[in-house]
């Protein structure tokens, strides 16, 4: 009967490590984008480089993609994705062209 304890310990450790890895992936916005949108939107196919939308417009776009069959996350993961899209591909996002001086 002593032989089962190490096996249980190993299985529990694997479960904890796996859960921690999933939690990190859920918190990493670029990973959420890659998992959710990366099959169709990447550097080679339909890149989003020139797209600049507000968070609300990104929400509408994601809903359209869901209507086309995309597996869109919900809850915190969706909020993380929308925040990241608005930050990196918003009207004043990190990749936006600098505003002209008047």
PDB file of N, CA and C in Angstrom:
ATOM      1  N   UNK A   1       0.801  -1.199   0.000  1.00  0.00           N
ATOM      2  CA  UNK A   1       0.000   0.000   0.000  1.00  0.00           C
ATOM      3  C   UNK A   1       0.842   1.260   0.000  1.00  0.00           C
ATOM      4  N   UNK A   2       2.112   1.183   0.364  1.00  0.00           N
ATOM      5  CA  UNK A   2       2.956   2.371   0.413  1.00  0.00           C
ATOM      6  C   UNK A   2       3.291   2.880  -0.982  1.00  0.00           C
ATOM      7  N   UNK A   3       3.167   2.073  -1.997  1.00  0.00           N
ATOM      8  CA  UNK A   3       3.568   2.439  -3.344  1.00  0.00           C
ATOM      9  C   UNK A   3       2.680   3.480  -4.005  1.00  0.00           C
ATOM     10  N   UNK A   4       1.472   3.677  -3.539  1.00  0.00           N
ATOM     11  CA  UNK A   4       0.555   4.612  -4.191  1.00  0.00           C
ATOM     12  C   UNK A   4       0.808   6.064  -3.803  1.00  0.00           C
ATOM     13  N   UNK A   5       1.407   6.309  -2.658  1.00  0.00           N
ATOM     14  CA  UNK A   5       1.612   7.689  -2.198  1.00  0.00           C
ATOM     15  C   UNK A   5       2.483   8.517  -3.139  1.00  0.00           C
ATOM     16  N   UNK A   6       3.617   8.001  -3.585  1.00  0.00           N
ATOM     17  CA  UNK A   6       4.413   8.804  -4.522  1.00  0.00           C
ATOM     18  C   UNK A   6       3.669   9.100  -5.828  1.00  0.00           C
ATOM     19  N   UNK A   7       2.865   8.145  -6.280  1.00  0.00           N
ATOM     20  CA  UNK A   7       2.107   8.343  -7.514  1.00  0.00           C
ATOM     21  C   UNK A   7       1.086   9.461  -7.325  1.00  0.00           C
ATOM     22  N   UNK A   8       0.387   9.457  -6.204  1.00  0.00           N
ATOM     23  CA  UNK A   8      -0.596  10.503  -5.924  1.00  0.00           C
ATOM     24  C   UNK A   8       0.090  11.856  -5.835  1.00  0.00           C
ATOM     25  N   UNK A   9       1.227  11.910  -5.161  1.00  0.00           N
ATOM     26  CA  UNK A   9       1.971  13.156  -5.038  1.00  0.00           C
ATOM     27  C   UNK A   9       2.393  13.690  -6.400  1.00  0.00           C
ATOM     28  N   UNK A  10       2.870  12.838  -7.261  1.00  0.00           N
ATOM     29  CA  UNK A  10       3.288  13.237  -8.609  1.00  0.00           C
ATOM     30  C   UNK A  10       2.089  13.754  -9.406  1.00  0.00           C
ATOM     31  N   UNK A  11       0.969  13.060  -9.335  1.00  0.00           N
ATOM     32  CA  UNK A  11      -0.228  13.479 -10.068  1.00  0.00           C
ATOM     33  C   UNK A  11      -0.712  14.840  -9.569  1.00  0.00           C
ATOM     34  N   UNK A  12      -0.722  15.033  -8.254  1.00  0.00           N
ATOM     35  CA  UNK A  12      -1.140  16.327  -7.693  1.00  0.00           C
ATOM     36  C   UNK A  12      -0.203  17.450  -8.128  1.00  0.00           C
ATOM     37  N   UNK A  13       1.092  17.200  -8.117  1.00  0.00           N
ATOM     38  CA  UNK A  13       2.056  18.210  -8.558  1.00  0.00           C
ATOM     39  C   UNK A  13       1.854  18.571 -10.018  1.00  0.00           C
ATOM     40  N   UNK A  14       1.605  17.566 -10.844  1.00  0.00           N
ATOM     41  CA  UNK A  14       1.374  17.824 -12.268  1.00  0.00           C
ATOM     42  C   UNK A  14       0.114  18.670 -12.463  1.00  0.00           C
ATOM     43  N   UNK A  15      -0.927  18.410 -11.679  1.00  0.00           N
ATOM     44  CA  UNK A  15      -2.167  19.168 -11.789  1.00  0.00           C
ATOM     45  C   UNK A  15      -1.942  20.625 -11.388  1.00  0.00           C
ATOM     46  N   UNK A  16      -1.184  20.855 -10.324  1.00  0.00           N
ATOM     47  CA  UNK A  16      -0.907  22.221  -9.866  1.00  0.00           C
ATOM     48  C   UNK A  16      -0.084  22.974 -10.894  1.00  0.00           C
ATOM     49  N   UNK A  17       0.950  22.339 -11.424  1.00  0.00           N
ATOM     50  CA  UNK A  17       1.789  22.979 -12.437  1.00  0.00           C
ATOM     51  C   UNK A  17       0.979  23.270 -13.694  1.00  0.00           C
ATOM     52  N   UNK A  18       0.140  22.359 -14.116  1.00  0.00           N
ATOM     53  CA  UNK A  18      -0.700  22.572 -15.293  1.00  0.00           C
ATOM     54  C   UNK A  18      -1.664  23.719 -15.098  1.00  0.00           C
ATOM     55  N   UNK A  19      -2.270  23.796 -13.913  1.00  0.00           N
ATOM     56  CA  UNK A  19      -3.208  24.887 -13.624  1.00  0.00           C
ATOM     57  C   UNK A  19      -2.488  26.228 -13.602  1.00  0.00           C
ATOM     58  N   UNK A  20      -1.288  26.258 -13.048  1.00  0.00           N
ATOM     59  CA  UNK A  20      -0.511  27.506 -13.016  1.00  0.00           C
ATOM     60  C   UNK A  20      -0.172  27.948 -14.432  1.00  0.00           C
ATOM     61  N   UNK A  21       0.167  27.029 -15.301  1.00  0.00           N
ATOM     62  CA  UNK A  21       0.476  27.365 -16.691  1.00  0.00           C
ATOM     63  C   UNK A  21      -0.738  27.919 -17.412  1.00  0.00           C
ATOM     64  N   UNK A  22      -1.908  27.341 -17.166  1.00  0.00           N
ATOM     65  CA  UNK A  22      -3.136  27.843 -17.787  1.00  0.00           C
ATOM     66  C   UNK A  22      -3.472  29.229 -17.258  1.00  0.00           C
ATOM     67  N   UNK A  23      -3.274  29.463 -15.989  1.00  0.00           N
ATOM     68  CA  UNK A  23      -3.566  30.777 -15.411  1.00  0.00           C
ATOM     69  C   UNK A  23      -2.668  31.834 -16.035  1.00  0.00           C
ATOM     70  N   UNK A  24      -1.377  31.520 -16.229  1.00  0.00           N
ATOM     71  CA  UNK A  24      -0.474  32.481 -16.858  1.00  0.00           C
ATOM     72  C   UNK A  24      -0.917  32.775 -18.281  1.00  0.00           C
ATOM     73  N   UNK A  25      -1.331  31.751 -19.032  1.00  0.00           N
ATOM     74  CA  UNK A  25      -1.777  31.950 -20.408  1.00  0.00           C
ATOM     75  C   UNK A  25      -3.033  32.813 -20.445  1.00  0.00           C
ATOM     76  N   UNK A  26      -3.944  32.635 -19.469  1.00  0.00           N
ATOM     77  CA  UNK A  26      -5.156  33.434 -19.415  1.00  0.00           C
ATOM     78  C   UNK A  26      -4.852  34.902 -19.113  1.00  0.00           C
ATOM     79  N   UNK A  27      -3.781  35.150 -18.384  1.00  0.00           N
ATOM     80  CA  UNK A  27      -3.422  36.512 -18.001  1.00  0.00           C
ATOM     81  C   UNK A  27      -2.557  37.212 -19.043  1.00  0.00           C
ATOM     82  N   UNK A  28      -1.985  36.489 -19.975  1.00  0.00           N
ATOM     83  CA  UNK A  28      -1.109  37.060 -20.993  1.00  0.00           C
ATOM     84  C   UNK A  28      -1.961  37.460 -22.200  1.00  0.00           C
ATOM     85  N   UNK A  29      -2.199  38.752 -22.385  1.00  0.00           N
ATOM     86  CA  UNK A  29      -3.096  39.188 -23.459  1.00  0.00           C
ATOM     87  C   UNK A  29      -2.648  38.752 -24.852  1.00  0.00           C
ATOM     88  N   UNK A  30      -1.363  38.788 -25.108  1.00  0.00           N
ATOM     89  CA  UNK A  30      -0.912  38.378 -26.444  1.00  0.00           C
ATOM     90  C   UNK A  30      -1.150  36.888 -26.667  1.00  0.00           C
ATOM     91  N   UNK A  31      -1.079  36.096 -25.613  1.00  0.00           N
ATOM     92  CA  UNK A  31      -1.360  34.665 -25.726  1.00  0.00           C
ATOM     93  C   UNK A  31      -2.852  34.428 -25.953  1.00  0.00           C
ATOM     94  N   UNK A  32      -3.697  35.215 -25.271  1.00  0.00           N
ATOM     95  CA  UNK A  32      -5.145  35.108 -25.483  1.00  0.00           C
ATOM     96  C   UNK A  32      -5.457  35.443 -26.940  1.00  0.00           C
ATOM     97  N   UNK A  33      -4.827  36.514 -27.473  1.00  0.00           N
ATOM     98  CA  UNK A  33      -5.024  36.871 -28.886  1.00  0.00           C
ATOM     99  C   UNK A  33      -4.570  35.728 -29.788  1.00  0.00           C
ATOM    100  N   UNK A  34      -3.399  35.183 -29.517  1.00  0.00           N
ATOM    101  CA  UNK A  34      -2.858  34.110 -30.351  1.00  0.00           C
ATOM    102  C   UNK A  34      -3.786  32.902 -30.357  1.00  0.00           C
ATOM    103  N   UNK A  35      -4.283  32.521 -29.179  1.00  0.00           N
ATOM    104  CA  UNK A  35      -5.176  31.369 -29.081  1.00  0.00           C
ATOM    105  C   UNK A  35      -6.522  31.629 -29.747  1.00  0.00           C
ATOM    106  N   UNK A  36      -7.035  32.841 -29.600  1.00  0.00           N
ATOM    107  CA  UNK A  36      -8.373  33.164 -30.075  1.00  0.00           C
ATOM    108  C   UNK A  36      -8.384  33.574 -31.540  1.00  0.00           C
ATOM    109  N   UNK A  37      -7.431  34.390 -31.943  1.00  0.00           N
ATOM    110  CA  UNK A  37      -7.474  35.024 -33.259  1.00  0.00           C
ATOM    111  C   UNK A  37      -6.334  34.600 -34.186  1.00  0.00           C
ATOM    112  N   UNK A  38      -5.288  34.014 -33.626  1.00  0.00           N
ATOM    113  CA  UNK A  38      -4.057  33.754 -34.359  1.00  0.00           C
ATOM    114  C   UNK A  38      -4.172  32.825 -35.553  1.00  0.00           C
ATOM    115  N   UNK A  39      -5.178  31.964 -35.562  1.00  0.00           N
ATOM    116  CA  UNK A  39      -5.321  31.055 -36.703  1.00  0.00           C
ATOM    117  C   UNK A  39      -5.609  31.825 -37.989  1.00  0.00           C
ATOM    118  N   UNK A  40      -6.334  32.921 -37.875  1.00  0.00           N
ATOM    119  CA  UNK A  40      -6.679  33.722 -39.054  1.00  0.00           C
ATOM    120  C   UNK A  40      -5.933  35.046 -39.131  1.00  0.00           C
ATOM    121  N   UNK A  41      -5.569  35.606 -37.977  1.00  0.00           N
ATOM    122  CA  UNK A  41      -4.934  36.923 -37.934  1.00  0.00           C
ATOM    123  C   UNK A  41      -3.517  36.792 -37.387  1.00  0.00           C
ATOM    124  N   UNK A  42      -2.560  36.766 -38.307  1.00  0.00           N
ATOM    125  CA  UNK A  42      -1.145  36.718 -37.934  1.00  0.00           C
ATOM    126  C   UNK A  42      -0.360  37.533 -38.956  1.00  0.00           C
ATOM    127  N   UNK A  43       0.939  37.540 -38.849  1.00  0.00           N
ATOM    128  CA  UNK A  43       1.769  38.366 -39.738  1.00  0.00           C
ATOM    129  C   UNK A  43       1.601  37.994 -41.211  1.00  0.00           C
ATOM    130  N   UNK A  44       1.312  36.733 -41.487  1.00  0.00           N
ATOM    131  CA  UNK A  44       1.203  36.282 -42.879  1.00  0.00           C
ATOM    132  C   UNK A  44      -0.210  36.410 -43.430  1.00  0.00           C
ATOM    133  N   UNK A  45      -1.215  36.159 -42.614  1.00  0.00           N
ATOM    134  CA  UNK A  45      -2.600  36.168 -43.088  1.00  0.00           C
ATOM    135  C   UNK A  45      -3.427  37.154 -42.286  1.00  0.00           C
ATOM    136  N   UNK A  46      -4.015  38.105 -42.957  1.00  0.00           N
ATOM    137  CA  UNK A  46      -4.891  39.108 -42.360  1.00  0.00           C
ATOM    138  C   UNK A  46      -4.328  39.759 -41.100  1.00  0.00           C
ATOM    139  N   UNK A  47      -3.150  40.383 -41.187  1.00  0.00           N
ATOM    140  CA  UNK A  47      -2.596  41.063 -40.014  1.00  0.00           C
ATOM    141  C   UNK A  47      -3.459  42.263 -39.621  1.00  0.00           C
ATOM    142  N   UNK A  48      -3.382  42.632 -38.372  1.00  0.00           N
ATOM    143  CA  UNK A  48      -4.176  43.752 -37.865  1.00  0.00           C
ATOM    144  C   UNK A  48      -3.366  45.039 -37.757  1.00  0.00           C
ATOM    145  N   UNK A  49      -2.205  45.088 -38.372  1.00  0.00           N
ATOM    146  CA  UNK A  49      -1.300  46.221 -38.221  1.00  0.00           C
ATOM    147  C   UNK A  49      -1.944  47.572 -38.518  1.00  0.00           C
ATOM    148  N   UNK A  50      -2.763  47.663 -39.539  1.00  0.00           N
ATOM    149  CA  UNK A  50      -3.336  48.942 -39.939  1.00  0.00           C
ATOM    150  C   UNK A  50      -4.710  49.203 -39.305  1.00  0.00           C
ATOM    151  N   UNK A  51      -5.206  48.253 -38.524  1.00  0.00           N
ATOM    152  CA  UNK A  51      -6.536  48.397 -37.939  1.00  0.00           C
ATOM    153  C   UNK A  51      -6.443  49.170 -36.627  1.00  0.00           C
ATOM    154  N   UNK A  52      -7.221  50.228 -36.504  1.00  0.00           N
ATOM    155  CA  UNK A  52      -7.243  51.075 -35.304  1.00  0.00           C
ATOM    156  C   UNK A  52      -8.694  51.274 -34.888  1.00  0.00           C
ATOM    157  N   UNK A  53      -9.119  50.562 -33.836  1.00  0.00           N
ATOM    158  CA  UNK A  53     -10.498  50.646 -33.376  1.00  0.00           C
ATOM    159  C   UNK A  53     -10.552  50.932 -31.880  1.00  0.00           C
ATOM    160  N   UNK A  54     -11.637  51.541 -31.461  1.00  0.00           N
ATOM    161  CA  UNK A  54     -11.867  51.736 -30.022  1.00  0.00           C
ATOM    162  C   UNK A  54     -12.196  50.372 -29.402  1.00  0.00           C
ATOM    163  N   UNK A  55     -12.186  50.309 -28.089  1.00  0.00           N
ATOM    164  CA  UNK A  55     -12.510  49.049 -27.413  1.00  0.00           C
ATOM    165  C   UNK A  55     -13.915  48.586 -27.798  1.00  0.00           C
ATOM    166  N   UNK A  56     -14.868  49.514 -27.863  1.00  0.00           N
ATOM    167  CA  UNK A  56     -16.242  49.156 -28.225  1.00  0.00           C
ATOM    168  C   UNK A  56     -16.300  48.601 -29.648  1.00  0.00           C
ATOM    169  N   UNK A  57     -15.564  49.214 -30.579  1.00  0.00           N
ATOM    170  CA  UNK A  57     -15.545  48.717 -31.965  1.00  0.00           C
ATOM    171  C   UNK A  57     -14.838  47.359 -32.037  1.00  0.00           C
ATOM    172  N   UNK A  58     -13.812  47.150 -31.195  1.00  0.00           N
ATOM    173  CA  UNK A  58     -13.173  45.836 -31.158  1.00  0.00           C
ATOM    174  C   UNK A  58     -14.157  44.789 -30.653  1.00  0.00           C
ATOM    175  N   UNK A  59     -14.976  45.170 -29.672  1.00  0.00           N
ATOM    176  CA  UNK A  59     -15.985  44.239 -29.152  1.00  0.00           C
ATOM    177  C   UNK A  59     -16.933  43.833 -30.272  1.00  0.00           C
ATOM    178  N   UNK A  60     -17.375  44.809 -31.063  1.00  0.00           N
ATOM    179  CA  UNK A  60     -18.254  44.521 -32.199  1.00  0.00           C
ATOM    180  C   UNK A  60     -17.554  43.610 -33.216  1.00  0.00           C
ATOM    181  N   UNK A  61     -16.280  43.883 -33.479  1.00  0.00           N
ATOM    182  CA  UNK A  61     -15.525  43.061 -34.435  1.00  0.00           C
ATOM    183  C   UNK A  61     -15.385  41.625 -33.931  1.00  0.00           C
ATOM    184  N   UNK A  62     -15.101  41.474 -32.650  1.00  0.00           N
ATOM    185  CA  UNK A  62     -14.961  40.125 -32.064  1.00  0.00           C
ATOM    186  C   UNK A  62     -16.311  39.401 -32.135  1.00  0.00           C
ATOM    187  N   UNK A  63     -17.390  40.100 -31.878  1.00  0.00           N
ATOM    188  CA  UNK A  63     -18.720  39.490 -31.977  1.00  0.00           C
ATOM    189  C   UNK A  63     -19.016  39.043 -33.411  1.00  0.00           C
ATOM    190  N   UNK A  64     -18.578  39.856 -34.403  1.00  0.00           N
ATOM    191  CA  UNK A  64     -18.730  39.451 -35.816  1.00  0.00           C
ATOM    192  C   UNK A  64     -17.946  38.182 -36.090  1.00  0.00           C
ATOM    193  N   UNK A  65     -16.719  38.113 -35.564  1.00  0.00           N
ATOM    194  CA  UNK A  65     -15.889  36.927 -35.773  1.00  0.00           C
ATOM    195  C   UNK A  65     -16.542  35.696 -35.129  1.00  0.00           C
ATOM    196  N   UNK A  66     -17.162  35.898 -33.977  1.00  0.00           N
ATOM    197  CA  UNK A  66     -17.875  34.801 -33.320  1.00  0.00           C
ATOM    198  C   UNK A  66     -19.014  34.316 -34.213  1.00  0.00           C
ATOM    199  N   UNK A  67     -19.718  35.253 -34.856  1.00  0.00           N
ATOM    200  CA  UNK A  67     -20.786  34.902 -35.785  1.00  0.00           C
ATOM    201  C   UNK A  67     -20.279  34.138 -36.998  1.00  0.00           C
ATOM    202  N   UNK A  68     -19.002  34.318 -37.312  1.00  0.00           N
ATOM    203  CA  UNK A  68     -18.384  33.603 -38.436  1.00  0.00           C
ATOM    204  C   UNK A  68     -17.781  32.266 -38.002  1.00  0.00           C
ATOM    205  N   UNK A  69     -17.942  31.934 -36.717  1.00  0.00           N
ATOM    206  CA  UNK A  69     -17.475  30.637 -36.248  1.00  0.00           C
ATOM    207  C   UNK A  69     -16.246  30.650 -35.366  1.00  0.00           C
ATOM    208  N   UNK A  70     -15.719  31.829 -35.054  1.00  0.00           N
ATOM    209  CA  UNK A  70     -14.545  31.888 -34.178  1.00  0.00           C
ATOM    210  C   UNK A  70     -14.929  31.464 -32.763  1.00  0.00           C
ATOM    211  N   UNK A  71     -14.016  30.772 -32.108  1.00  0.00           N
ATOM    212  CA  UNK A  71     -14.224  30.334 -30.730  1.00  0.00           C
ATOM    213  C   UNK A  71     -13.764  31.471 -29.822  1.00  0.00           C
ATOM    214  N   UNK A  72     -14.696  32.337 -29.465  1.00  0.00           N
ATOM    215  CA  UNK A  72     -14.396  33.546 -28.700  1.00  0.00           C
ATOM    216  C   UNK A  72     -14.525  33.251 -27.207  1.00  0.00           C
ATOM    217  N   UNK A  73     -13.533  33.685 -26.419  1.00  0.00           N
ATOM    218  CA  UNK A  73     -13.620  33.453 -24.980  1.00  0.00           C
ATOM    219  C   UNK A  73     -14.677  34.361 -24.347  1.00  0.00           C
ATOM    220  N   UNK A  74     -14.961  34.092 -23.097  1.00  0.00           N
ATOM    221  CA  UNK A  74     -15.912  34.930 -22.373  1.00  0.00           C
ATOM    222  C   UNK A  74     -15.264  35.397 -21.073  1.00  0.00           C
ATOM    223  N   UNK A  75     -15.981  36.208 -20.339  1.00  0.00           N
ATOM    224  CA  UNK A  75     -15.538  36.634 -19.019  1.00  0.00           C
ATOM    225  C   UNK A  75     -14.225  37.396 -19.036  1.00  0.00           C
ATOM    226  N   UNK A  76     -13.372  37.053 -18.075  1.00  0.00           N
ATOM    227  CA  UNK A  76     -12.096  37.757 -17.900  1.00  0.00           C
ATOM    228  C   UNK A  76     -11.209  37.633 -19.129  1.00  0.00           C
ATOM    229  N   UNK A  77     -11.226  36.476 -19.780  1.00  0.00           N
ATOM    230  CA  UNK A  77     -10.381  36.260 -20.946  1.00  0.00           C
ATOM    231  C   UNK A  77     -10.804  37.187 -22.098  1.00  0.00           C
ATOM    232  N   UNK A  78     -12.106  37.362 -22.292  1.00  0.00           N
ATOM    233  CA  UNK A  78     -12.592  38.266 -23.336  1.00  0.00           C
ATOM    234  C   UNK A  78     -12.225  39.702 -22.994  1.00  0.00           C
ATOM    235  N   UNK A  79     -12.402  40.071 -21.738  1.00  0.00           N
ATOM    236  CA  UNK A  79     -12.051  41.426 -21.309  1.00  0.00           C
ATOM    237  C   UNK A  79     -10.556  41.689 -21.518  1.00  0.00           C
ATOM    238  N   UNK A  80      -9.721  40.704 -21.193  1.00  0.00           N
ATOM    239  CA  UNK A  80      -8.276  40.814 -21.402  1.00  0.00           C
ATOM    240  C   UNK A  80      -7.968  41.014 -22.880  1.00  0.00           C
ATOM    241  N   UNK A  81      -8.631  40.251 -23.742  1.00  0.00           N
ATOM    242  CA  UNK A  81      -8.423  40.362 -25.184  1.00  0.00           C
ATOM    243  C   UNK A  81      -8.821  41.744 -25.685  1.00  0.00           C
ATOM    244  N   UNK A  82      -9.987  42.229 -25.277  1.00  0.00           N
ATOM    245  CA  UNK A  82     -10.458  43.539 -25.734  1.00  0.00           C
ATOM    246  C   UNK A  82      -9.560  44.665 -25.234  1.00  0.00           C
ATOM    247  N   UNK A  83      -9.120  44.571 -23.990  1.00  0.00           N
ATOM    248  CA  UNK A  83      -8.198  45.586 -23.458  1.00  0.00           C
ATOM    249  C   UNK A  83      -6.904  45.612 -24.266  1.00  0.00           C
ATOM    250  N   UNK A  84      -6.373  44.432 -24.576  1.00  0.00           N
ATOM    251  CA  UNK A  84      -5.116  44.338 -25.328  1.00  0.00           C
ATOM    252  C   UNK A  84      -5.287  44.883 -26.746  1.00  0.00           C
ATOM    253  N   UNK A  85      -6.395  44.531 -27.397  1.00  0.00           N
ATOM    254  CA  UNK A  85      -6.641  45.043 -28.751  1.00  0.00           C
ATOM    255  C   UNK A  85      -6.755  46.563 -28.745  1.00  0.00           C
ATOM    256  N   UNK A  86      -7.469  47.117 -27.769  1.00  0.00           N
ATOM    257  CA  UNK A  86      -7.608  48.574 -27.691  1.00  0.00           C
ATOM    258  C   UNK A  86      -6.270  49.240 -27.400  1.00  0.00           C
ATOM    259  N   UNK A  87      -5.460  48.607 -26.574  1.00  0.00           N
ATOM    260  CA  UNK A  87      -4.158  49.180 -26.228  1.00  0.00           C
ATOM    261  C   UNK A  87      -3.184  49.129 -27.405  1.00  0.00           C
ATOM    262  N   UNK A  88      -3.138  48.009 -28.091  1.00  0.00           N
ATOM    263  CA  UNK A  88      -2.150  47.832 -29.158  1.00  0.00           C
ATOM    264  C   UNK A  88      -2.666  48.216 -30.543  1.00  0.00           C
ATOM    265  N   UNK A  89      -3.981  48.174 -30.742  1.00  0.00           N
ATOM    266  CA  UNK A  89      -4.569  48.467 -32.045  1.00  0.00           C
ATOM    267  C   UNK A  89      -5.738  49.433 -31.926  1.00  0.00           C
ATOM    268  N   UNK A  90      -5.658  50.324 -30.947  1.00  0.00           N
ATOM    269  CA  UNK A  90      -6.682  51.338 -30.763  1.00  0.00           C
ATOM    270  C   UNK A  90      -6.307  52.611 -31.491  1.00  0.00           C
ATOM    271  N   UNK A  91      -7.183  53.574 -31.485  1.00  0.00           N
ATOM    272  CA  UNK A  91      -6.916  54.838 -32.179  1.00  0.00           C
ATOM    273  C   UNK A  91      -5.611  55.503 -31.725  1.00  0.00           C
ATOM    274  N   UNK A  92      -5.260  55.337 -30.469  1.00  0.00           N
ATOM    275  CA  UNK A  92      -4.005  55.899 -29.957  1.00  0.00           C
ATOM    276  C   UNK A  92      -3.136  54.799 -29.362  1.00  0.00           C
ATOM    277  N   UNK A  93      -3.290  53.574 -29.871  1.00  0.00           N
ATOM    278  CA  UNK A  93      -2.569  52.426 -29.333  1.00  0.00           C
ATOM    279  C   UNK A  93      -1.076  52.489 -29.572  1.00  0.00           C
ATOM    280  N   UNK A  94      -0.372  51.522 -29.001  1.00  0.00           N
ATOM    281  CA  UNK A  94       1.091  51.459 -29.082  1.00  0.00           C
ATOM    282  C   UNK A  94       1.602  51.461 -30.513  1.00  0.00           C
ATOM    283  N   UNK A  95       0.851  50.869 -31.433  1.00  0.00           N
ATOM    284  CA  UNK A  95       1.301  50.784 -32.809  1.00  0.00           C
ATOM    285  C   UNK A  95       0.746  51.878 -33.706  1.00  0.00           C
ATOM    286  N   UNK A  96       0.010  52.807 -33.128  1.00  0.00           N
ATOM    287  CA  UNK A  96      -0.606  53.875 -33.922  1.00  0.00           C
ATOM    288  C   UNK A  96       0.451  54.841 -34.435  1.00  0.00           C
ATOM    289  N   UNK A  97       0.163  55.423 -35.565  1.00  0.00           N
ATOM    290  CA  UNK A  97       1.060  56.427 -36.130  1.00  0.00           C
ATOM    291  C   UNK A  97       1.062  57.651 -35.221  1.00  0.00           C
ATOM    292  N   UNK A  98       2.190  58.311 -35.067  1.00  0.00           N
ATOM    293  CA  UNK A  98       2.238  59.495 -34.216  1.00  0.00           C
ATOM    294  C   UNK A  98       1.314  60.587 -34.760  1.00  0.00           C
ATOM    295  N   UNK A  99       0.695  61.316 -33.852  1.00  0.00           N
ATOM    296  CA  UNK A  99      -0.199  62.405 -34.252  1.00  0.00           C
ATOM    297  C   UNK A  99       0.618  63.533 -34.866  1.00  0.00           C
ATOM    298  N   UNK A 100       0.040  64.158 -35.869  1.00  0.00           N
ATOM    299  CA  UNK A 100       0.696  65.298 -36.518  1.00  0.00           C
ATOM    300  C   UNK A 100       0.618  66.516 -35.611  1.00  0.00           C
ATOM    301  N   UNK A 101       1.699  67.279 -35.579  1.00  0.00           N
ATOM    302  CA  UNK A 101       1.686  68.520 -34.804  1.00  0.00           C
ATOM    303  C   UNK A 101       1.039  69.622 -35.615  1.00  0.00           C
ATOM    304  N   UNK A 102       0.252  70.448 -34.943  1.00  0.00           N
ATOM    305  CA  UNK A 102      -0.440  71.540 -35.639  1.00  0.00           C
ATOM    306  C   UNK A 102       0.240  72.839 -35.381  1.00  0.00           C
TER     307      UNK A 102
END
